[in-house]
C-alpha atoms as a PDB file:
ATOM      1  CA  MET A   1       5.049 -19.305  21.284  1.00  0.00           C
ATOM      2  CA  THR A   2       6.695 -20.869  18.218  1.00  0.00           C
ATOM      3  CA  ALA A   3       7.074 -18.409  15.343  1.00  0.00           C
ATOM      4  CA  ALA A   4       5.065 -19.204  12.244  1.00  0.00           C
ATOM      5  CA  ILE A   5       8.278 -18.967  10.202  1.00  0.00           C
ATOM      6  CA  SER A   6      11.881 -19.015  11.374  1.00  0.00           C
ATOM      7  CA  VAL A   7      14.734 -18.501   8.912  1.00  0.00           C
ATOM      8  CA  GLU A   8      18.356 -18.800  10.101  1.00  0.00           C
ATOM      9  CA  HIS A   9      21.405 -17.990   7.935  1.00  0.00           C
ATOM     10  CA  LEU A  10      19.597 -19.151   4.800  1.00  0.00           C
ATOM     11  CA  SER A  11      21.588 -19.271   1.547  1.00  0.00           C
ATOM     12  CA  LYS A  12      20.968 -20.545  -1.961  1.00  0.00           C
ATOM     13  CA  VAL A  13      23.879 -20.706  -4.380  1.00  0.00           C
ATOM     14  CA  TYR A  14      23.836 -21.368  -8.124  1.00  0.00           C
ATOM     15  CA  GLY A  15      27.441 -21.681  -9.264  1.00  0.00           C
ATOM     16  CA  ASP A  16      28.981 -18.253  -8.680  1.00  0.00           C
ATOM     17  CA  ILE A  17      25.604 -16.629  -7.991  1.00  0.00           C
ATOM     18  CA  ARG A  18      24.398 -16.258  -4.389  1.00  0.00           C
ATOM     19  CA  ALA A  19      20.675 -15.833  -5.009  1.00  0.00           C
ATOM     20  CA  VAL A  20      20.071 -15.824  -1.246  1.00  0.00           C
ATOM     21  CA  ASP A  21      22.996 -14.818   0.932  1.00  0.00           C
ATOM     22  CA  ASP A  22      22.892 -15.638   4.650  1.00  0.00           C
ATOM     23  CA  ILE A  23      19.555 -14.118   5.611  1.00  0.00           C
ATOM     24  CA  SER A  24      17.705 -14.559   8.906  1.00  0.00           C
ATOM     25  CA  PHE A  25      14.244 -13.407   9.973  1.00  0.00           C
ATOM     26  CA  SER A  26      11.131 -14.663  11.717  1.00  0.00           C
ATOM     27  CA  VAL A  27       7.405 -14.227  11.180  1.00  0.00           C
ATOM     28  CA  GLU A  28       5.167 -14.160  14.224  1.00  0.00           C
ATOM     29  CA  SER A  29       1.813 -15.960  14.119  1.00  0.00           C
ATOM     30  CA  GLY A  30      -1.081 -13.701  13.137  1.00  0.00           C
ATOM     31  CA  GLN A  31       1.127 -11.145  11.374  1.00  0.00           C
ATOM     32  CA  VAL A  32       1.028  -9.808   7.853  1.00  0.00           C
ATOM     33  CA  PHE A  33       4.675 -10.101   6.851  1.00  0.00           C
ATOM     34  CA  SER A  34       6.051  -8.657   3.607  1.00  0.00           C
ATOM     35  CA  LEU A  35       9.234  -9.680   1.823  1.00  0.00           C
ATOM     36  CA  LEU A  36      10.250  -6.880  -0.525  1.00  0.00           C
ATOM     37  CA  GLY A  37      12.923  -6.496  -3.173  1.00  0.00           C
ATOM     38  CA  HIS A  38      13.355  -5.573  -6.822  1.00  0.00           C
ATOM     39  CA  ASN A  39      13.480  -8.260  -9.499  1.00  0.00           C
ATOM     40  CA  GLY A  40      16.547 -10.422  -8.904  1.00  0.00           C
ATOM     41  CA  ALA A  41      16.851  -9.478  -5.218  1.00  0.00           C
ATOM     42  CA  GLY A  42      16.373 -13.087  -4.080  1.00  0.00           C
ATOM     43  CA  LYS A  43      12.873 -12.915  -2.650  1.00  0.00           C
ATOM     44  CA  THR A  44      11.335 -15.428  -5.099  1.00  0.00           C
ATOM     45  CA  THR A  45      14.026 -17.992  -4.294  1.00  0.00           C
ATOM     46  CA  THR A  46      13.455 -17.407  -0.570  1.00  0.00           C
ATOM     47  CA  VAL A  47       9.703 -17.892  -0.950  1.00  0.00           C
ATOM     48  CA  GLU A  48      10.153 -21.033  -3.041  1.00  0.00           C
ATOM     49  CA  ILE A  49      12.347 -22.513  -0.291  1.00  0.00           C
ATOM     50  CA  LEU A  50       9.639 -21.717   2.271  1.00  0.00           C
ATOM     51  CA  GLU A  51       7.011 -23.272   0.022  1.00  0.00           C
ATOM     52  CA  GLY A  52       9.018 -26.487  -0.233  1.00  0.00           C
ATOM     53  CA  LEU A  53       9.808 -26.017  -3.927  1.00  0.00           C
ATOM     54  CA  ARG A  54      13.597 -25.622  -3.543  1.00  0.00           C
ATOM     55  CA  ASN A  55      16.187 -26.825  -1.074  1.00  0.00           C
ATOM     56  CA  PRO A  56      18.577 -24.296   0.482  1.00  0.00           C
ATOM     57  CA  SER A  57      22.326 -24.580  -0.009  1.00  0.00           C
ATOM     58  CA  SER A  58      22.871 -23.875   3.689  1.00  0.00           C
ATOM     59  CA  GLY A  59      21.073 -22.558   6.724  1.00  0.00           C
ATOM     60  CA  SER A  60      17.609 -23.549   7.870  1.00  0.00           C
ATOM     61  CA  ALA A  61      13.982 -22.594   7.418  1.00  0.00           C
ATOM     62  CA  GLN A  62      11.182 -23.805   9.652  1.00  0.00           C
ATOM     63  CA  ILE A  63       7.421 -23.385   9.519  1.00  0.00           C
ATOM     64  CA  PHE A  64       5.639 -23.984  12.814  1.00  0.00           C
ATOM     65  CA  GLY A  65       8.829 -25.625  14.060  1.00  0.00           C
ATOM     66  CA  VAL A  66       9.010 -28.088  11.149  1.00  0.00           C
ATOM     67  CA  ASP A  67      12.048 -28.032   8.836  1.00  0.00           C
ATOM     68  CA  VAL A  68      10.839 -27.262   5.319  1.00  0.00           C
ATOM     69  CA  THR A  69      13.579 -29.345   3.686  1.00  0.00           C
ATOM     70  CA  ASN A  70      12.572 -32.745   5.046  1.00  0.00           C
ATOM     71  CA  GLY A  71       9.260 -32.226   6.825  1.00  0.00           C
ATOM     72  CA  TYR A  72       7.027 -30.390   4.391  1.00  0.00           C
ATOM     73  CA  HIS A  73       4.598 -33.305   4.185  1.00  0.00           C
ATOM     74  CA  LYS A  74       3.632 -32.406   7.752  1.00  0.00           C
ATOM     75  CA  LEU A  75       2.818 -28.849   6.692  1.00  0.00           C
ATOM     76  CA  ARG A  76       0.715 -29.325   3.566  1.00  0.00           C
ATOM     77  CA  LYS A  77      -2.609 -28.921   5.344  1.00  0.00           C
ATOM     78  CA  LYS A  78      -1.399 -25.942   7.376  1.00  0.00           C
ATOM     79  CA  VAL A  79      -0.228 -23.860   4.410  1.00  0.00           C
ATOM     80  CA  GLY A  80      -2.103 -22.169   1.555  1.00  0.00           C
ATOM     81  CA  ILE A  81      -0.417 -20.693  -1.519  1.00  0.00           C
ATOM     82  CA  LEU A  82      -1.569 -18.199  -4.145  1.00  0.00           C
ATOM     83  CA  PRO A  83       1.168 -17.983  -6.807  1.00  0.00           C
ATOM     84  CA  GLN A  84       1.679 -14.834  -8.866  1.00  0.00           C
ATOM     85  CA  ASP A  85       0.781 -16.521 -12.158  1.00  0.00           C
ATOM     86  CA  PHE A  86      -2.408 -18.136 -10.814  1.00  0.00           C
ATOM     87  CA  GLU A  87      -5.148 -18.838 -13.342  1.00  0.00           C
ATOM     88  CA  PRO A  88      -8.363 -20.677 -12.370  1.00  0.00           C
ATOM     89  CA  PHE A  89      -9.845 -23.559 -14.320  1.00  0.00           C
ATOM     90  CA  GLN A  90     -11.521 -21.568 -17.070  1.00  0.00           C
ATOM     91  CA  ARG A  91     -14.435 -23.936 -17.697  1.00  0.00           C
ATOM     92  CA  LEU A  92     -15.375 -24.462 -14.063  1.00  0.00           C
ATOM     93  CA  LYS A  93     -17.640 -22.306 -11.920  1.00  0.00           C
ATOM     94  CA  PRO A  94     -16.282 -20.989  -8.605  1.00  0.00           C
ATOM     95  CA  THR A  95     -18.367 -23.514  -6.694  1.00  0.00           C
ATOM     96  CA  GLU A  96     -17.021 -26.371  -8.806  1.00  0.00           C
ATOM     97  CA  THR A  97     -13.472 -25.062  -8.529  1.00  0.00           C
ATOM     98  CA  VAL A  98     -13.555 -24.926  -4.729  1.00  0.00           C
ATOM     99  CA  GLU A  99     -15.204 -28.358  -4.500  1.00  0.00           C
ATOM    100  CA  TYR A 100     -12.542 -29.897  -6.741  1.00  0.00           C
ATOM    101  CA  TRP A 101      -9.697 -28.182  -4.899  1.00  0.00           C
ATOM    102  CA  GLY A 102     -11.037 -29.437  -1.598  1.00  0.00           C
ATOM    103  CA  GLU A 103     -10.996 -33.001  -2.894  1.00  0.00           C
ATOM    104  CA  LEU A 104      -7.272 -32.647  -3.581  1.00  0.00           C
ATOM    105  CA  TYR A 105      -6.905 -32.176   0.189  1.00  0.00           C
ATOM    106  CA  ASP A 106      -9.198 -35.163   0.824  1.00  0.00           C
ATOM    107  CA  LEU A 107     -11.895 -32.759   1.981  1.00  0.00           C
ATOM    108  CA  LYS A 108     -15.544 -33.317   1.140  1.00  0.00           C
ATOM    109  CA  LEU A 109     -16.990 -29.824   1.409  1.00  0.00           C
ATOM    110  CA  SER A 110     -20.718 -29.327   1.782  1.00  0.00           C
ATOM    111  CA  LYS A 111     -22.603 -26.894  -0.433  1.00  0.00           C
ATOM    112  CA  LYS A 112     -22.856 -24.479   2.508  1.00  0.00           C
ATOM    113  CA  GLU A 113     -19.125 -24.699   3.268  1.00  0.00           C
ATOM    114  CA  ILE A 114     -18.317 -23.918  -0.361  1.00  0.00           C
ATOM    115  CA  GLU A 115     -20.733 -21.000  -0.472  1.00  0.00           C
ATOM    116  CA  ASP A 116     -19.478 -19.646   2.865  1.00  0.00           C
ATOM    117  CA  LEU A 117     -15.889 -19.769   1.639  1.00  0.00           C
ATOM    118  CA  LEU A 118     -16.773 -17.917  -1.558  1.00  0.00           C
ATOM    119  CA  ALA A 119     -18.813 -15.404   0.458  1.00  0.00           C
ATOM    120  CA  SER A 120     -15.725 -14.706   2.569  1.00  0.00           C
ATOM    121  CA  VAL A 121     -13.966 -13.470  -0.585  1.00  0.00           C
ATOM    122  CA  ASP A 122     -17.015 -11.551  -1.816  1.00  0.00           C
ATOM    123  CA  LEU A 123     -17.945 -13.908  -4.656  1.00  0.00           C
ATOM    124  CA  SER A 124     -21.474 -14.842  -3.557  1.00  0.00           C
ATOM    125  CA  HIS A 125     -22.912 -13.036  -6.575  1.00  0.00           C
ATOM    126  CA  ARG A 126     -20.662 -14.985  -8.998  1.00  0.00           C
ATOM    127  CA  LEU A 127     -21.158 -18.566  -7.828  1.00  0.00           C
ATOM    128  CA  ASN A 128     -22.402 -19.909 -11.163  1.00  0.00           C
ATOM    129  CA  VAL A 129     -20.289 -17.887 -13.594  1.00  0.00           C
ATOM    130  CA  LEU A 130     -17.558 -19.686 -15.526  1.00  0.00           C
ATOM    131  CA  ALA A 131     -14.108 -18.646 -14.284  1.00  0.00           C
ATOM    132  CA  GLN A 132     -13.178 -17.452 -17.768  1.00  0.00           C
ATOM    133  CA  ASN A 133     -15.862 -14.769 -17.417  1.00  0.00           C
ATOM    134  CA  LEU A 134     -14.642 -13.441 -14.061  1.00  0.00           C
ATOM    135  CA  SER A 135     -12.789 -10.136 -13.864  1.00  0.00           C
ATOM    136  CA  GLY A 136      -9.095 -10.051 -12.947  1.00  0.00           C
ATOM    137  CA  GLY A 137      -9.906  -9.098  -9.377  1.00  0.00           C
ATOM    138  CA  GLU A 138     -12.531 -11.815  -9.079  1.00  0.00           C
ATOM    139  CA  LYS A 139     -10.059 -14.427 -10.337  1.00  0.00           C
ATOM    140  CA  ARG A 140      -7.578 -13.381  -7.639  1.00  0.00           C
ATOM    141  CA  LYS A 141     -10.343 -13.645  -5.039  1.00  0.00           C
ATOM    142  CA  LEU A 142     -11.170 -17.130  -6.305  1.00  0.00           C
ATOM    143  CA  GLY A 143      -7.476 -17.988  -6.026  1.00  0.00           C
ATOM    144  CA  ILE A 144      -7.471 -16.893  -2.386  1.00  0.00           C
ATOM    145  CA  ALA A 145     -10.592 -18.984  -1.752  1.00  0.00           C
ATOM    146  CA  MET A 146      -8.782 -22.004  -3.229  1.00  0.00           C
ATOM    147  CA  ALA A 147      -5.727 -21.276  -1.083  1.00  0.00           C
ATOM    148  CA  MET A 148      -8.001 -21.118   1.978  1.00  0.00           C
ATOM    149  CA  VAL A 149      -9.902 -24.320   1.250  1.00  0.00           C
ATOM    150  CA  ASN A 150      -7.916 -26.284   3.850  1.00  0.00           C
ATOM    151  CA  LYS A 151      -8.260 -23.469   6.435  1.00  0.00           C
ATOM    152  CA  PRO A 152      -4.493 -22.865   6.500  1.00  0.00           C
ATOM    153  CA  GLU A 153      -2.742 -21.263   9.414  1.00  0.00           C
ATOM    154  CA  LEU A 154      -0.229 -19.681   7.022  1.00  0.00           C
ATOM    155  CA  LEU A 155      -1.081 -18.145   3.651  1.00  0.00           C
ATOM    156  CA  PHE A 156       1.509 -17.214   1.004  1.00  0.00           C
ATOM    157  CA  LEU A 157       0.304 -14.442  -1.340  1.00  0.00           C
ATOM    158  CA  ASP A 158       2.711 -13.748  -4.198  1.00  0.00           C
ATOM    159  CA  GLU A 159       1.950 -10.424  -5.900  1.00  0.00           C
ATOM    160  CA  PRO A 160      -1.801 -10.834  -5.238  1.00  0.00           C
ATOM    161  CA  THR A 161      -2.843  -7.462  -6.715  1.00  0.00           C
ATOM    162  CA  THR A 162      -0.600  -7.283  -9.787  1.00  0.00           C
ATOM    163  CA  GLY A 163      -2.522  -5.967 -12.782  1.00  0.00           C
ATOM    164  CA  LEU A 164      -5.658  -5.073 -10.851  1.00  0.00           C
ATOM    165  CA  ASP A 165      -7.467  -1.748 -11.017  1.00  0.00           C
ATOM    166  CA  PRO A 166      -7.400   0.486  -7.907  1.00  0.00           C
ATOM    167  CA  LYS A 167     -10.805  -0.651  -6.626  1.00  0.00           C
ATOM    168  CA  ALA A 168      -9.983  -4.344  -7.044  1.00  0.00           C
ATOM    169  CA  ARG A 169      -6.674  -3.763  -5.216  1.00  0.00           C
ATOM    170  CA  ARG A 170      -8.444  -2.093  -2.303  1.00  0.00           C
ATOM    171  CA  ASP A 171     -11.018  -4.904  -2.179  1.00  0.00           C
ATOM    172  CA  LEU A 172      -8.180  -7.423  -1.819  1.00  0.00           C
ATOM    173  CA  TRP A 173      -6.558  -5.266   0.868  1.00  0.00           C
ATOM    174  CA  GLY A 174      -9.790  -5.549   2.833  1.00  0.00           C
ATOM    175  CA  LEU A 175      -9.846  -9.304   2.319  1.00  0.00           C
ATOM    176  CA  ILE A 176      -6.252  -9.660   3.557  1.00  0.00           C
ATOM    177  CA  THR A 177      -7.067  -7.541   6.618  1.00  0.00           C
ATOM    178  CA  ASN A 178     -10.088  -9.725   7.403  1.00  0.00           C
ATOM    179  CA  LEU A 179      -8.017 -12.900   7.092  1.00  0.00           C
ATOM    180  CA  LYS A 180      -5.521 -11.460   9.559  1.00  0.00           C
ATOM    181  CA  LYS A 181      -8.332 -10.628  11.991  1.00  0.00           C
ATOM    182  CA  LYS A 182      -9.330 -14.292  11.895  1.00  0.00           C
ATOM    183  CA  GLY A 183      -5.810 -15.286  12.972  1.00  0.00           C
ATOM    184  CA  THR A 184      -4.301 -16.292   9.624  1.00  0.00           C
ATOM    185  CA  THR A 185      -0.602 -15.542   9.230  1.00  0.00           C
ATOM    186  CA  ILE A 186       0.028 -13.962   5.837  1.00  0.00           C
ATOM    187  CA  PHE A 187       3.330 -13.915   3.963  1.00  0.00           C
ATOM    188  CA  LEU A 188       3.086 -11.271   1.261  1.00  0.00           C
ATOM    189  CA  THR A 189       5.339 -10.381  -1.645  1.00  0.00           C
ATOM    190  CA  THR A 190       4.461  -7.272  -3.633  1.00  0.00           C
ATOM    191  CA  HIS A 191       6.000  -4.590  -5.821  1.00  0.00           C
ATOM    192  CA  TYR A 192       3.396  -2.096  -4.603  1.00  0.00           C
ATOM    193  CA  LEU A 193       5.169  -0.393  -1.718  1.00  0.00           C
ATOM    194  CA  ASP A 194       2.035   1.490  -0.627  1.00  0.00           C
ATOM    195  CA  GLU A 195       0.371  -1.908  -0.268  1.00  0.00           C
ATOM    196  CA  ALA A 196       3.142  -3.218   1.964  1.00  0.00           C
ATOM    197  CA  GLU A 197       3.119  -0.023   4.028  1.00  0.00           C
ATOM    198  CA  VAL A 198      -0.626  -0.235   4.679  1.00  0.00           C
ATOM    199  CA  LEU A 199      -0.963  -3.969   5.287  1.00  0.00           C
ATOM    200  CA  SER A 200       2.273  -5.123   6.909  1.00  0.00           C
ATOM    201  CA  ASP A 201       3.095  -5.584  10.563  1.00  0.00           C
ATOM    202  CA  HIS A 202       6.683  -6.500   9.727  1.00  0.00           C
ATOM    203  CA  ILE A 203       8.852  -6.143   6.622  1.00  0.00           C
ATOM    204  CA  VAL A 204      12.152  -7.479   5.332  1.00  0.00           C
ATOM    205  CA  ILE A 205      13.785  -5.760   2.342  1.00  0.00           C
ATOM    206  CA  MET A 206      16.262  -7.759   0.249  1.00  0.00           C
ATOM    207  CA  ASN A 207      18.864  -6.591  -2.245  1.00  0.00           C
ATOM    208  CA  LYS A 208      21.343  -8.788  -4.132  1.00  0.00           C
ATOM    209  CA  GLY A 209      20.412 -11.777  -1.996  1.00  0.00           C
ATOM    210  CA  ARG A 210      21.004 -10.042   1.335  1.00  0.00           C
ATOM    211  CA  LYS A 211      18.698  -8.552   3.936  1.00  0.00           C
ATOM    212  CA  ILE A 212      19.255  -4.785   4.013  1.00  0.00           C
ATOM    213  CA  ALA A 213      16.408  -3.602   6.248  1.00  0.00           C
ATOM    214  CA  GLU A 214      13.902  -5.073   8.687  1.00  0.00           C
ATOM    215  CA  GLY A 215      11.188  -3.797  10.980  1.00  0.00           C
ATOM    216  CA  SER A 216       7.681  -2.388  10.934  1.00  0.00           C
ATOM    217  CA  PRO A 217       6.948   0.087   8.119  1.00  0.00           C
ATOM    218  CA  ARG A 218       7.177   2.952  10.617  1.00  0.00           C
ATOM    219  CA  GLU A 219      10.487   1.706  12.036  1.00  0.00           C
ATOM    220  CA  ILE A 220      12.077   1.344   8.594  1.00  0.00           C
ATOM    221  CA  ILE A 221      10.893   4.787   7.468  1.00  0.00           C
ATOM    222  CA  SER A 222      12.035   6.363  10.729  1.00  0.00           C
ATOM    223  CA  LYS A 223      15.488   4.766  10.532  1.00  0.00           C
ATOM    224  CA  HIS A 224      16.251   5.267   6.851  1.00  0.00           C
ATOM    225  CA  GLY A 225      13.969   8.099   5.761  1.00  0.00           C
ATOM    226  CA  GLY A 226      14.809  11.757   5.479  1.00  0.00           C
ATOM    227  CA  LYS A 227      13.352  14.714   7.313  1.00  0.00           C
ATOM    228  CA  PRO A 228       9.792  15.819   6.445  1.00  0.00           C
ATOM    229  CA  THR A 229       9.555  18.275   3.557  1.00  0.00           C
ATOM    230  CA  VAL A 230       7.415  21.380   3.934  1.00  0.00           C
ATOM    231  CA  THR A 231       6.159  22.881   0.675  1.00  0.00           C
ATOM    232  CA  LEU A 232       5.251  26.574   0.768  1.00  0.00           C
ATOM    233  CA  CYS A 233       3.083  27.016  -2.306  1.00  0.00           C
ATOM    234  CA  GLY A 234       3.630  30.261  -4.161  1.00  0.00           C
ATOM    235  CA  ALA A 235       6.285  31.647  -1.781  1.00  0.00           C
ATOM    236  CA  GLY A 236       8.630  32.083  -4.732  1.00  0.00           C
ATOM    237  CA  LYS A 237      12.077  33.653  -4.838  1.00  0.00           C
ATOM    238  CA  LYS A 238      11.081  36.227  -2.232  1.00  0.00           C
ATOM    239  CA  GLY A 239      10.211  33.485   0.244  1.00  0.00           C
ATOM    240  CA  LEU A 240      13.436  31.615  -0.522  1.00  0.00           C
ATOM    241  CA  ASP A 241      15.517  34.730   0.130  1.00  0.00           C
ATOM    242  CA  GLU A 242      13.659  35.537   3.357  1.00  0.00           C
ATOM    243  CA  LEU A 243      14.197  32.004   4.712  1.00  0.00           C
ATOM    244  CA  GLY A 244      17.871  32.358   3.826  1.00  0.00           C
ATOM    245  CA  ARG A 245      18.033  35.507   5.945  1.00  0.00           C
ATOM    246  CA  GLN A 246      16.580  33.466   8.815  1.00  0.00           C
ATOM    247  CA  GLY A 247      19.322  30.874   8.366  1.00  0.00           C
ATOM    248  CA  ILE A 248      16.932  28.247   7.053  1.00  0.00           C
ATOM    249  CA  GLU A 249      18.059  26.114   4.113  1.00  0.00           C
ATOM    250  CA  ALA A 250      15.439  25.787   1.379  1.00  0.00           C
ATOM    251  CA  SER A 251      15.098  25.180  -2.333  1.00  0.00           C
ATOM    252  CA  LEU A 252      12.919  26.556  -5.095  1.00  0.00           C
ATOM    253  CA  GLN A 253      10.752  24.320  -7.277  1.00  0.00           C
ATOM    254  CA  ASP A 254       8.832  26.347  -9.852  1.00  0.00           C
ATOM    255  CA  ASP A 255       7.162  28.961  -7.610  1.00  0.00           C
ATOM    256  CA  ASP A 256       7.118  26.776  -4.497  1.00  0.00           C
ATOM    257  CA  VAL A 257       9.673  26.758  -1.690  1.00  0.00           C
ATOM    258  CA  LEU A 258      10.688  23.398  -0.205  1.00  0.00           C
ATOM    259  CA  VAL A 259      12.163  23.096   3.279  1.00  0.00           C
ATOM    260  CA  ARG A 260      13.443  19.978   5.050  1.00  0.00           C
ATOM    261  CA  VAL A 261      12.624  20.214   8.765  1.00  0.00           C
ATOM    262  CA  ALA A 262      13.758  18.138  11.728  1.00  0.00           C
ATOM    263  CA  ASP A 263      11.029  19.497  14.000  1.00  0.00           C
ATOM    264  CA  THR A 264       7.650  20.353  12.449  1.00  0.00           C
ATOM    265  CA  GLY A 265       6.944  22.445  15.542  1.00  0.00           C
ATOM    266  CA  GLU A 266       9.281  25.098  14.118  1.00  0.00           C
ATOM    267  CA  ILE A 267       7.100  25.672  11.071  1.00  0.00           C
ATOM    268  CA  LYS A 268       4.624  28.018  12.713  1.00  0.00           C
ATOM    269  CA  ASP A 269       7.332  30.468  13.818  1.00  0.00           C
ATOM    270  CA  TRP A 270       9.112  30.898  10.511  1.00  0.00           C
ATOM    271  CA  VAL A 271       5.871  30.989   8.502  1.00  0.00           C
ATOM    272  CA  ALA A 272       4.803  33.870  10.753  1.00  0.00           C
ATOM    273  CA  LYS A 273       8.096  35.612   9.982  1.00  0.00           C
ATOM    274  CA  LEU A 274       7.489  35.124   6.272  1.00  0.00           C
ATOM    275  CA  ALA A 275       4.084  36.734   6.607  1.00  0.00           C
ATOM    276  CA  GLY A 276       5.647  39.619   8.524  1.00  0.00           C
ATOM    277  CA  ALA A 277       8.098  40.108   5.670  1.00  0.00           C
ATOM    278  CA  GLY A 278       5.249  40.323   3.166  1.00  0.00           C
ATOM    279  CA  VAL A 279       5.756  36.875   1.653  1.00  0.00           C
ATOM    280  CA  GLU A 280       2.441  35.418   0.468  1.00  0.00           C
ATOM    281  CA  VAL A 281       2.010  31.668   0.963  1.00  0.00           C
ATOM    282  CA  LYS A 282      -1.001  30.374  -0.956  1.00  0.00           C
ATOM    283  CA  ASP A 283      -0.981  26.931   0.637  1.00  0.00           C
ATOM    284  CA  MET A 284       1.291  24.700   2.669  1.00  0.00           C
ATOM    285  CA  TYR A 285       1.631  20.959   3.119  1.00  0.00           C
ATOM    286  CA  ILE A 286       4.037  18.504   4.713  1.00  0.00           C
ATOM    287  CA  LYS A 287       5.271  15.379   2.960  1.00  0.00           C
ATOM    288  CA  ARG A 288       6.958  12.625   4.906  1.00  0.00           C
ATOM    289  CA  ASP A 289       8.990   9.885   3.252  1.00  0.00           C
ATOM    290  CA  THR A 290       6.964   6.833   2.333  1.00  0.00           C
ATOM    291  CA  LEU A 291       8.116   3.234   2.347  1.00  0.00           C
ATOM    292  CA  GLU A 292       8.619   3.568  -1.411  1.00  0.00           C
ATOM    293  CA  ASP A 293      10.932   6.558  -0.916  1.00  0.00           C
ATOM    294  CA  VAL A 294      12.991   4.595   1.598  1.00  0.00           C
ATOM    295  CA  PHE A 295      13.019   1.449  -0.547  1.00  0.00           C
ATOM    296  CA  LEU A 296      14.400   3.357  -3.541  1.00  0.00           C
ATOM    297  CA  TYR A 297      17.039   4.943  -1.314  1.00  0.00           C
ATOM    298  CA  LEU A 298      18.101   1.600   0.174  1.00  0.00           C
ATOM    299  CA  ILE A 299      18.550  -0.205  -3.152  1.00  0.00           C
ATOM    300  CA  ASN A 300      20.466   2.684  -4.748  1.00  0.00           C
ATOM    301  CA  PRO A 301      24.049   1.425  -5.292  1.00  0.00           C
ATOM    302  CA  GLU A 302      25.408   4.817  -4.217  1.00  0.00           C
ATOM    303  CA  ASN A 303      23.913   4.293  -0.758  1.00  0.00           C
ATOM    304  CA  GLN A 304      24.966   0.667  -0.207  1.00  0.00           C
ATOM    305  CA  LYS A 305      28.003   1.448   1.944  1.00  0.00           C
ATOM    306  CA  GLU A 306      25.947   3.646   4.258  1.00  0.00           C
ATOM    307  CA  VAL A 307      23.136   1.071   4.389  1.00  0.00           C
ATOM    308  CA  ALA A 308      25.608  -1.696   5.304  1.00  0.00           C
ATOM    309  CA  GLN A 309      26.777   0.356   8.260  1.00  0.00           C
END
């Protein structure tokens, strides 16, 4: 099966600046794929090349086997795009907006088709409200409806939840999940690392134009993350000293003791020993590194040499 997106040794150079520096990756059909990186990492330039807005300096990028540099006219009806700075037509209703957008694709949508599309993004109750009166989350939903008007096989979502409240973000997460279930391939860029961790099947992290990590969220965390941290609430200095006598390295944070463990199965034994030594533990929890923890580690200049290896 042809990958939805195939990128091979892609570079984009502006004078002395290598905005994108020899990156390769692929996106399988039906996946939610996330391209992550801090501002200036090169992800926007990469996305703009894939959207047919810029030409690469070298390398290749294909969508459904079609080269994006000279064949994008063949892809227009297969691709939907929601840009980060999307704003709907303020004086149009959602129904009018979708009808007009469909006409730009030479599509004459029936009233039912328009209403069904808006229902799919949970806007059935806002059909006749001017776009200027929609909430931020509702405007993003309308933007996704517009991007889906041509029933694209591939949907680019650039920072789709930026500026939204927690409920609106979660509503859009559900919408993205439903689109995936229907077979749509989704290319996501986001600065919310929890969002990428929850939604993504596959991730590429960029830094200074280069790819520095790739894999599923679990694979990236497993490869680059640290050991789980056990927090013993209220164990205090006494608990720290007792763990030291057991040969277990730990640290004190306020009145809590923090221990990095390679095997969580060991916890039960040394907690029992603490209890036997009269150390009171009020509560205990385990924290594993998140994708955000790993991302911040990977882009730290002090870790670049290790990451490169």
